[in-house]
Amino acid sequence: MLQNVQDVASQAAQSAQVLGFKYLGAALCMAIGGMVPAFGEAQIVIRAIDGMARQPEIEGALFRAMIVGQSILETIAIYCLIVSIILLLVV
């Protein structure tokens, strides 16, 4: 009887620990996956505005390249969101 109680208690502790690590993993995934693309997008905008200020005649080409670069970087954040949702709902 005492062995069964100890087994149930250890299983409950392990499931609580797994639950805590699951939430921690999802939070870290979103934190890192949100900060890195935001920093990269800011750098792209800074460089594009600097280039537009130096050479206004190529503004259209720089703007298109900036938008493409930002969309590629934003996919990283979307993938991190998907991984976080999978961690929360599946694991």
PDB file of N, CA and C in Angstrom:
ATOM      1  N   MET A   1       0.826  -1.192   0.000  1.00  0.00           N
ATOM      2  CA  MET A   1       0.000   0.000   0.000  1.00  0.00           C
ATOM      3  C   MET A   1       0.865   1.249   0.000  1.00  0.00           C
ATOM      4  N   LEU A   2       1.888   1.268   0.865  1.00  0.00           N
ATOM      5  CA  LEU A   2       2.776   2.431   0.939  1.00  0.00           C
ATOM      6  C   LEU A   2       3.558   2.591  -0.367  1.00  0.00           C
ATOM      7  N   GLN A   3       3.918   1.473  -0.987  1.00  0.00           N
ATOM      8  CA  GLN A   3       4.654   1.534  -2.261  1.00  0.00           C
ATOM      9  C   GLN A   3       3.788   2.160  -3.345  1.00  0.00           C
ATOM     10  N   ASN A   4       2.499   1.829  -3.374  1.00  0.00           N
ATOM     11  CA  ASN A   4       1.592   2.422  -4.364  1.00  0.00           C
ATOM     12  C   ASN A   4       1.461   3.925  -4.167  1.00  0.00           C
ATOM     13  N   VAL A   5       1.378   4.378  -2.939  1.00  0.00           N
ATOM     14  CA  VAL A   5       1.273   5.811  -2.647  1.00  0.00           C
ATOM     15  C   VAL A   5       2.549   6.525  -3.091  1.00  0.00           C
ATOM     16  N   GLN A   6       3.697   5.895  -2.833  1.00  0.00           N
ATOM     17  CA  GLN A   6       4.962   6.501  -3.243  1.00  0.00           C
ATOM     18  C   GLN A   6       5.076   6.558  -4.770  1.00  0.00           C
ATOM     19  N   ASP A   7       4.607   5.524  -5.447  1.00  0.00           N
ATOM     20  CA  ASP A   7       4.636   5.516  -6.909  1.00  0.00           C
ATOM     21  C   ASP A   7       3.748   6.623  -7.479  1.00  0.00           C
ATOM     22  N   VAL A   8       2.563   6.770  -6.926  1.00  0.00           N
ATOM     23  CA  VAL A   8       1.643   7.809  -7.388  1.00  0.00           C
ATOM     24  C   VAL A   8       2.230   9.199  -7.124  1.00  0.00           C
ATOM     25  N   ALA A   9       2.846   9.379  -5.974  1.00  0.00           N
ATOM     26  CA  ALA A   9       3.448  10.669  -5.633  1.00  0.00           C
ATOM     27  C   ALA A   9       4.613  10.993  -6.556  1.00  0.00           C
ATOM     28  N   SER A  10       5.436  10.002  -6.882  1.00  0.00           N
ATOM     29  CA  SER A  10       6.574  10.259  -7.773  1.00  0.00           C
ATOM     30  C   SER A  10       6.099  10.523  -9.196  1.00  0.00           C
ATOM     31  N   GLN A  11       5.053   9.850  -9.645  1.00  0.00           N
ATOM     32  CA  GLN A  11       4.501  10.110 -10.972  1.00  0.00           C
ATOM     33  C   GLN A  11       3.901  11.506 -11.048  1.00  0.00           C
ATOM     34  N   ALA A  12       3.242  11.939  -9.986  1.00  0.00           N
ATOM     35  CA  ALA A  12       2.667  13.288  -9.962  1.00  0.00           C
ATOM     36  C   ALA A  12       3.765  14.341  -9.989  1.00  0.00           C
ATOM     37  N   ALA A  13       4.845  14.097  -9.260  1.00  0.00           N
ATOM     38  CA  ALA A  13       5.965  15.044  -9.252  1.00  0.00           C
ATOM     39  C   ALA A  13       6.625  15.104 -10.617  1.00  0.00           C
ATOM     40  N   GLN A  14       6.781  13.942 -11.265  1.00  0.00           N
ATOM     41  CA  GLN A  14       7.385  13.925 -12.596  1.00  0.00           C
ATOM     42  C   GLN A  14       6.495  14.625 -13.611  1.00  0.00           C
ATOM     43  N   SER A  15       5.184  14.436 -13.530  1.00  0.00           N
ATOM     44  CA  SER A  15       4.291  15.088 -14.489  1.00  0.00           C
ATOM     45  C   SER A  15       4.268  16.599 -14.257  1.00  0.00           C
ATOM     46  N   ALA A  16       4.370  17.028 -13.008  1.00  0.00           N
ATOM     47  CA  ALA A  16       4.438  18.465 -12.732  1.00  0.00           C
ATOM     48  C   ALA A  16       5.738  19.049 -13.256  1.00  0.00           C
ATOM     49  N   GLN A  17       6.826  18.287 -13.140  1.00  0.00           N
ATOM     50  CA  GLN A  17       8.114  18.750 -13.639  1.00  0.00           C
ATOM     51  C   GLN A  17       8.094  18.831 -15.171  1.00  0.00           C
ATOM     52  N   VAL A  18       7.524  17.834 -15.809  1.00  0.00           N
ATOM     53  CA  VAL A  18       7.417  17.848 -17.267  1.00  0.00           C
ATOM     54  C   VAL A  18       6.550  19.020 -17.711  1.00  0.00           C
ATOM     55  N   LEU A  19       5.475  19.276 -17.007  1.00  0.00           N
ATOM     56  CA  LEU A  19       4.601  20.400 -17.334  1.00  0.00           C
ATOM     57  C   LEU A  19       5.344  21.720 -17.199  1.00  0.00           C
ATOM     58  N   GLY A  20       6.134  21.857 -16.152  1.00  0.00           N
ATOM     59  CA  GLY A  20       6.910  23.078 -15.960  1.00  0.00           C
ATOM     60  C   GLY A  20       7.938  23.268 -17.064  1.00  0.00           C
ATOM     61  N   PHE A  21       8.635  22.203 -17.450  1.00  0.00           N
ATOM     62  CA  PHE A  21       9.613  22.298 -18.522  1.00  0.00           C
ATOM     63  C   PHE A  21       8.944  22.584 -19.862  1.00  0.00           C
ATOM     64  N   LYS A  22       7.736  22.063 -20.044  1.00  0.00           N
ATOM     65  CA  LYS A  22       6.998  22.324 -21.276  1.00  0.00           C
ATOM     66  C   LYS A  22       6.685  23.810 -21.404  1.00  0.00           C
ATOM     67  N   TYR A  23       6.197  24.411 -20.326  1.00  0.00           N
ATOM     68  CA  TYR A  23       5.889  25.847 -20.355  1.00  0.00           C
ATOM     69  C   TYR A  23       7.155  26.688 -20.484  1.00  0.00           C
ATOM     70  N   LEU A  24       8.217  26.265 -19.813  1.00  0.00           N
ATOM     71  CA  LEU A  24       9.484  26.989 -19.906  1.00  0.00           C
ATOM     72  C   LEU A  24      10.040  26.923 -21.325  1.00  0.00           C
ATOM     73  N   GLY A  25       9.965  25.760 -21.952  1.00  0.00           N
ATOM     74  CA  GLY A  25      10.445  25.613 -23.331  1.00  0.00           C
ATOM     75  C   GLY A  25       9.655  26.457 -24.307  1.00  0.00           C
ATOM     76  N   ALA A  26       8.326  26.485 -24.146  1.00  0.00           N
ATOM     77  CA  ALA A  26       7.495  27.297 -25.029  1.00  0.00           C
ATOM     78  C   ALA A  26       7.781  28.784 -24.830  1.00  0.00           C
ATOM     79  N   ALA A  27       7.979  29.189 -23.583  1.00  0.00           N
ATOM     80  CA  ALA A  27       8.262  30.601 -23.308  1.00  0.00           C
ATOM     81  C   ALA A  27       9.621  31.009 -23.869  1.00  0.00           C
ATOM     82  N   LEU A  28      10.638  30.168 -23.688  1.00  0.00           N
ATOM     83  CA  LEU A  28      11.957  30.489 -24.241  1.00  0.00           C
ATOM     84  C   LEU A  28      11.946  30.505 -25.760  1.00  0.00           C
ATOM     85  N   CYS A  29      11.206  29.587 -26.350  1.00  0.00           N
ATOM     86  CA  CYS A  29      11.103  29.546 -27.805  1.00  0.00           C
ATOM     87  C   CYS A  29      10.504  30.839 -28.336  1.00  0.00           C
ATOM     88  N   MET A  30       9.452  31.316 -27.714  1.00  0.00           N
ATOM     89  CA  MET A  30       8.825  32.556 -28.178  1.00  0.00           C
ATOM     90  C   MET A  30       9.673  33.778 -27.842  1.00  0.00           C
ATOM     91  N   ALA A  31      10.353  33.766 -26.702  1.00  0.00           N
ATOM     92  CA  ALA A  31      11.166  34.926 -26.327  1.00  0.00           C
ATOM     93  C   ALA A  31      12.344  35.090 -27.283  1.00  0.00           C
ATOM     94  N   ILE A  32      13.072  34.011 -27.500  1.00  0.00           N
ATOM     95  CA  ILE A  32      14.225  34.089 -28.402  1.00  0.00           C
ATOM     96  C   ILE A  32      13.764  34.243 -29.845  1.00  0.00           C
ATOM     97  N   GLY A  33      12.716  33.514 -30.198  1.00  0.00           N
ATOM     98  CA  GLY A  33      12.197  33.587 -31.562  1.00  0.00           C
ATOM     99  C   GLY A  33      11.518  34.896 -31.882  1.00  0.00           C
ATOM    100  N   GLY A  34      11.215  35.697 -30.891  1.00  0.00           N
ATOM    101  CA  GLY A  34      10.649  37.023 -31.140  1.00  0.00           C
ATOM    102  C   GLY A  34      11.695  38.119 -31.113  1.00  0.00           C
ATOM    103  N   MET A  35      12.699  37.961 -30.261  1.00  0.00           N
ATOM    104  CA  MET A  35      13.724  39.007 -30.137  1.00  0.00           C
ATOM    105  C   MET A  35      14.679  39.025 -31.326  1.00  0.00           C
ATOM    106  N   VAL A  36      15.127  37.870 -31.762  1.00  0.00           N
ATOM    107  CA  VAL A  36      16.123  37.813 -32.830  1.00  0.00           C
ATOM    108  C   VAL A  36      15.582  38.378 -34.139  1.00  0.00           C
ATOM    109  N   PRO A  37      14.387  37.968 -34.607  1.00  0.00           N
ATOM    110  CA  PRO A  37      13.878  38.586 -35.826  1.00  0.00           C
ATOM    111  C   PRO A  37      13.592  40.086 -35.674  1.00  0.00           C
ATOM    112  N   ALA A  38      13.164  40.508 -34.507  1.00  0.00           N
ATOM    113  CA  ALA A  38      12.908  41.938 -34.302  1.00  0.00           C
ATOM    114  C   ALA A  38      14.197  42.735 -34.425  1.00  0.00           C
ATOM    115  N   PHE A  39      15.278  42.222 -33.859  1.00  0.00           N
ATOM    116  CA  PHE A  39      16.570  42.891 -33.970  1.00  0.00           C
ATOM    117  C   PHE A  39      17.031  42.915 -35.426  1.00  0.00           C
ATOM    118  N   GLY A  40      16.876  41.803 -36.122  1.00  0.00           N
ATOM    119  CA  GLY A  40      17.265  41.742 -37.536  1.00  0.00           C
ATOM    120  C   GLY A  40      16.450  42.677 -38.402  1.00  0.00           C
ATOM    121  N   GLU A  41      15.143  42.743 -38.157  1.00  0.00           N
ATOM    122  CA  GLU A  41      14.286  43.644 -38.926  1.00  0.00           C
ATOM    123  C   GLU A  41      14.652  45.094 -38.677  1.00  0.00           C
ATOM    124  N   ALA A  42      14.993  45.419 -37.445  1.00  0.00           N
ATOM    125  CA  ALA A  42      15.409  46.786 -37.139  1.00  0.00           C
ATOM    126  C   ALA A  42      16.692  47.133 -37.880  1.00  0.00           C
ATOM    127  N   GLN A  43      17.621  46.193 -37.937  1.00  0.00           N
ATOM    128  CA  GLN A  43      18.863  46.445 -38.665  1.00  0.00           C
ATOM    129  C   GLN A  43      18.602  46.630 -40.158  1.00  0.00           C
ATOM    130  N   ILE A  44      17.692  45.855 -40.723  1.00  0.00           N
ATOM    131  CA  ILE A  44      17.349  45.995 -42.140  1.00  0.00           C
ATOM    132  C   ILE A  44      16.778  47.382 -42.409  1.00  0.00           C
ATOM    133  N   VAL A  45      15.868  47.826 -41.565  1.00  0.00           N
ATOM    134  CA  VAL A  45      15.258  49.146 -41.760  1.00  0.00           C
ATOM    135  C   VAL A  45      16.300  50.251 -41.613  1.00  0.00           C
ATOM    136  N   ILE A  46      17.180  50.125 -40.628  1.00  0.00           N
ATOM    137  CA  ILE A  46      18.222  51.141 -40.440  1.00  0.00           C
ATOM    138  C   ILE A  46      19.094  51.238 -41.676  1.00  0.00           C
ATOM    139  N   ARG A  47      19.517  50.099 -42.204  1.00  0.00           N
ATOM    140  CA  ARG A  47      20.392  50.110 -43.378  1.00  0.00           C
ATOM    141  C   ARG A  47      19.651  50.623 -44.615  1.00  0.00           C
ATOM    142  N   ALA A  48      18.386  50.248 -44.758  1.00  0.00           N
ATOM    143  CA  ALA A  48      17.618  50.702 -45.928  1.00  0.00           C
ATOM    144  C   ALA A  48      17.397  52.208 -45.883  1.00  0.00           C
ATOM    145  N   ILE A  49      17.053  52.744 -44.731  1.00  0.00           N
ATOM    146  CA  ILE A  49      16.846  54.195 -44.623  1.00  0.00           C
ATOM    147  C   ILE A  49      18.154  54.927 -44.862  1.00  0.00           C
ATOM    148  N   ASP A  50      19.249  54.380 -44.362  1.00  0.00           N
ATOM    149  CA  ASP A  50      20.550  54.987 -44.605  1.00  0.00           C
ATOM    150  C   ASP A  50      20.884  54.984 -46.106  1.00  0.00           C
ATOM    151  N   GLY A  51      20.605  53.873 -46.765  1.00  0.00           N
ATOM    152  CA  GLY A  51      20.845  53.798 -48.210  1.00  0.00           C
ATOM    153  C   GLY A  51      19.954  54.730 -48.992  1.00  0.00           C
ATOM    154  N   MET A  52      18.691  54.873 -48.567  1.00  0.00           N
ATOM    155  CA  MET A  52      17.767  55.794 -49.245  1.00  0.00           C
ATOM    156  C   MET A  52      18.192  57.249 -49.059  1.00  0.00           C
ATOM    157  N   ALA A  53      18.749  57.544 -47.904  1.00  0.00           N
ATOM    158  CA  ALA A  53      19.209  58.907 -47.656  1.00  0.00           C
ATOM    159  C   ALA A  53      20.440  59.221 -48.502  1.00  0.00           C
ATOM    160  N   ARG A  54      21.287  58.243 -48.730  1.00  0.00           N
ATOM    161  CA  ARG A  54      22.493  58.475 -49.517  1.00  0.00           C
ATOM    162  C   ARG A  54      22.215  58.505 -51.021  1.00  0.00           C
ATOM    163  N   GLN A  55      21.330  57.614 -51.471  1.00  0.00           N
ATOM    164  CA  GLN A  55      21.018  57.537 -52.901  1.00  0.00           C
ATOM    165  C   GLN A  55      19.502  57.470 -53.088  1.00  0.00           C
ATOM    166  N   PRO A  56      18.843  58.607 -53.134  1.00  0.00           N
ATOM    167  CA  PRO A  56      17.375  58.606 -53.249  1.00  0.00           C
ATOM    168  C   PRO A  56      16.853  57.997 -54.550  1.00  0.00           C
ATOM    169  N   GLU A  57      17.678  57.919 -55.574  1.00  0.00           N
ATOM    170  CA  GLU A  57      17.199  57.402 -56.864  1.00  0.00           C
ATOM    171  C   GLU A  57      16.974  55.884 -56.847  1.00  0.00           C
ATOM    172  N   ILE A  58      17.545  55.167 -55.907  1.00  0.00           N
ATOM    173  CA  ILE A  58      17.314  53.715 -55.841  1.00  0.00           C
ATOM    174  C   ILE A  58      16.381  53.357 -54.688  1.00  0.00           C
ATOM    175  N   GLU A  59      15.527  54.282 -54.324  1.00  0.00           N
ATOM    176  CA  GLU A  59      14.611  54.072 -53.200  1.00  0.00           C
ATOM    177  C   GLU A  59      13.684  52.875 -53.425  1.00  0.00           C
ATOM    178  N   GLY A  60      13.155  52.742 -54.629  1.00  0.00           N
ATOM    179  CA  GLY A  60      12.228  51.636 -54.914  1.00  0.00           C
ATOM    180  C   GLY A  60      12.873  50.273 -54.767  1.00  0.00           C
ATOM    181  N   ALA A  61      14.088  50.132 -55.290  1.00  0.00           N
ATOM    182  CA  ALA A  61      14.788  48.850 -55.191  1.00  0.00           C
ATOM    183  C   ALA A  61      15.132  48.525 -53.740  1.00  0.00           C
ATOM    184  N   LEU A  62      15.562  49.527 -52.996  1.00  0.00           N
ATOM    185  CA  LEU A  62      15.878  49.296 -51.582  1.00  0.00           C
ATOM    186  C   LEU A  62      14.628  48.932 -50.787  1.00  0.00           C
ATOM    187  N   PHE A  63      13.524  49.587 -51.101  1.00  0.00           N
ATOM    188  CA  PHE A  63      12.282  49.299 -50.376  1.00  0.00           C
ATOM    189  C   PHE A  63      11.832  47.870 -50.633  1.00  0.00           C
ATOM    190  N   ARG A  64      11.893  47.432 -51.896  1.00  0.00           N
ATOM    191  CA  ARG A  64      11.499  46.052 -52.215  1.00  0.00           C
ATOM    192  C   ARG A  64      12.412  45.043 -51.522  1.00  0.00           C
ATOM    193  N   ALA A  65      13.697  45.293 -51.546  1.00  0.00           N
ATOM    194  CA  ALA A  65      14.639  44.386 -50.886  1.00  0.00           C
ATOM    195  C   ALA A  65      14.403  44.365 -49.379  1.00  0.00           C
ATOM    196  N   MET A  66      14.069  45.520 -48.810  1.00  0.00           N
ATOM    197  CA  MET A  66      13.792  45.596 -47.377  1.00  0.00           C
ATOM    198  C   MET A  66      12.560  44.766 -47.019  1.00  0.00           C
ATOM    199  N   ILE A  67      11.518  44.890 -47.802  1.00  0.00           N
ATOM    200  CA  ILE A  67      10.281  44.143 -47.529  1.00  0.00           C
ATOM    201  C   ILE A  67      10.517  42.639 -47.653  1.00  0.00           C
ATOM    202  N   VAL A  68      11.253  42.217 -48.667  1.00  0.00           N
ATOM    203  CA  VAL A  68      11.548  40.785 -48.835  1.00  0.00           C
ATOM    204  C   VAL A  68      12.383  40.266 -47.664  1.00  0.00           C
ATOM    205  N   GLY A  69      13.383  41.028 -47.268  1.00  0.00           N
ATOM    206  CA  GLY A  69      14.215  40.624 -46.135  1.00  0.00           C
ATOM    207  C   GLY A  69      13.432  40.528 -44.843  1.00  0.00           C
ATOM    208  N   GLN A  70      12.543  41.474 -44.626  1.00  0.00           N
ATOM    209  CA  GLN A  70      11.729  41.434 -43.413  1.00  0.00           C
ATOM    210  C   GLN A  70      10.758  40.267 -43.427  1.00  0.00           C
ATOM    211  N   SER A  71      10.195  39.967 -44.579  1.00  0.00           N
ATOM    212  CA  SER A  71       9.260  38.835 -44.629  1.00  0.00           C
ATOM    213  C   SER A  71       9.983  37.516 -44.383  1.00  0.00           C
ATOM    214  N   ILE A  72      11.207  37.385 -44.883  1.00  0.00           N
ATOM    215  CA  ILE A  72      11.974  36.171 -44.634  1.00  0.00           C
ATOM    216  C   ILE A  72      12.314  36.057 -43.144  1.00  0.00           C
ATOM    217  N   LEU A  73      12.682  37.168 -42.539  1.00  0.00           N
ATOM    218  CA  LEU A  73      12.995  37.130 -41.108  1.00  0.00           C
ATOM    219  C   LEU A  73      11.759  36.858 -40.261  1.00  0.00           C
ATOM    220  N   GLU A  74      10.623  37.336 -40.689  1.00  0.00           N
ATOM    221  CA  GLU A  74       9.403  37.151 -39.908  1.00  0.00           C
ATOM    222  C   GLU A  74       8.968  35.692 -39.887  1.00  0.00           C
ATOM    223  N   THR A  75       9.380  34.913 -40.892  1.00  0.00           N
ATOM    224  CA  THR A  75       9.023  33.496 -40.886  1.00  0.00           C
ATOM    225  C   THR A  75       9.659  32.771 -39.704  1.00  0.00           C
ATOM    226  N   ILE A  76      10.812  33.251 -39.242  1.00  0.00           N
ATOM    227  CA  ILE A  76      11.442  32.639 -38.060  1.00  0.00           C
ATOM    228  C   ILE A  76      10.518  32.765 -36.854  1.00  0.00           C
ATOM    229  N   ALA A  77       9.947  33.942 -36.663  1.00  0.00           N
ATOM    230  CA  ALA A  77       9.035  34.144 -35.536  1.00  0.00           C
ATOM    231  C   ALA A  77       7.779  33.284 -35.682  1.00  0.00           C
ATOM    232  N   ILE A  78       7.296  33.139 -36.897  1.00  0.00           N
ATOM    233  CA  ILE A  78       6.098  32.311 -37.120  1.00  0.00           C
ATOM    234  C   ILE A  78       6.411  30.847 -36.822  1.00  0.00           C
ATOM    235  N   TYR A  79       7.589  30.372 -37.247  1.00  0.00           N
ATOM    236  CA  TYR A  79       7.979  28.997 -36.941  1.00  0.00           C
ATOM    237  C   TYR A  79       8.108  28.787 -35.435  1.00  0.00           C
ATOM    238  N   CYS A  80       8.651  29.765 -34.733  1.00  0.00           N
ATOM    239  CA  CYS A  80       8.762  29.648 -33.271  1.00  0.00           C
ATOM    240  C   CYS A  80       7.388  29.609 -32.619  1.00  0.00           C
ATOM    241  N   LEU A  81       6.449  30.375 -33.149  1.00  0.00           N
ATOM    242  CA  LEU A  81       5.080  30.331 -32.632  1.00  0.00           C
ATOM    243  C   LEU A  81       4.478  28.950 -32.840  1.00  0.00           C
ATOM    244  N   ILE A  82       4.699  28.366 -33.998  1.00  0.00           N
ATOM    245  CA  ILE A  82       4.163  27.034 -34.280  1.00  0.00           C
ATOM    246  C   ILE A  82       4.789  25.998 -33.344  1.00  0.00           C
ATOM    247  N   VAL A  83       6.102  26.084 -33.132  1.00  0.00           N
ATOM    248  CA  VAL A  83       6.773  25.145 -32.221  1.00  0.00           C
ATOM    249  C   VAL A  83       6.243  25.304 -30.805  1.00  0.00           C
ATOM    250  N   SER A  84       6.021  26.543 -30.379  1.00  0.00           N
ATOM    251  CA  SER A  84       5.487  26.771 -29.032  1.00  0.00           C
ATOM    252  C   SER A  84       4.077  26.198 -28.882  1.00  0.00           C
ATOM    253  N   ILE A  85       3.262  26.379 -29.881  1.00  0.00           N
ATOM    254  CA  ILE A  85       1.899  25.823 -29.837  1.00  0.00           C
ATOM    255  C   ILE A  85       1.961  24.295 -29.798  1.00  0.00           C
ATOM    256  N   ILE A  86       2.843  23.707 -30.578  1.00  0.00           N
ATOM    257  CA  ILE A  86       2.983  22.250 -30.556  1.00  0.00           C
ATOM    258  C   ILE A  86       3.454  21.786 -29.179  1.00  0.00           C
ATOM    259  N   LEU A  87       4.404  22.508 -28.590  1.00  0.00           N
ATOM    260  CA  LEU A  87       4.868  22.140 -27.250  1.00  0.00           C
ATOM    261  C   LEU A  87       3.735  22.181 -26.240  1.00  0.00           C
ATOM    262  N   LEU A  88       2.901  23.216 -26.328  1.00  0.00           N
ATOM    263  CA  LEU A  88       1.829  23.372 -25.342  1.00  0.00           C
ATOM    264  C   LEU A  88       0.685  22.373 -25.541  1.00  0.00           C
ATOM    265  N   LEU A  89       0.378  22.051 -26.786  1.00  0.00           N
ATOM    266  CA  LEU A  89      -0.798  21.234 -27.027  1.00  0.00           C
ATOM    267  C   LEU A  89      -0.500  19.741 -27.192  1.00  0.00           C
ATOM    268  N   VAL A  90       0.668  19.394 -27.681  1.00  0.00           N
ATOM    269  CA  VAL A  90       0.940  18.000 -28.007  1.00  0.00           C
ATOM    270  C   VAL A  90       1.766  17.309 -26.933  1.00  0.00           C
ATOM    271  N   VAL A  91       2.816  17.948 -26.477  1.00  0.00           N
ATOM    272  CA  VAL A  91       3.738  17.295 -25.531  1.00  0.00           C
ATOM    273  C   VAL A  91       3.085  17.196 -24.176  1.00  0.00           C
TER     274      VAL A  91
END
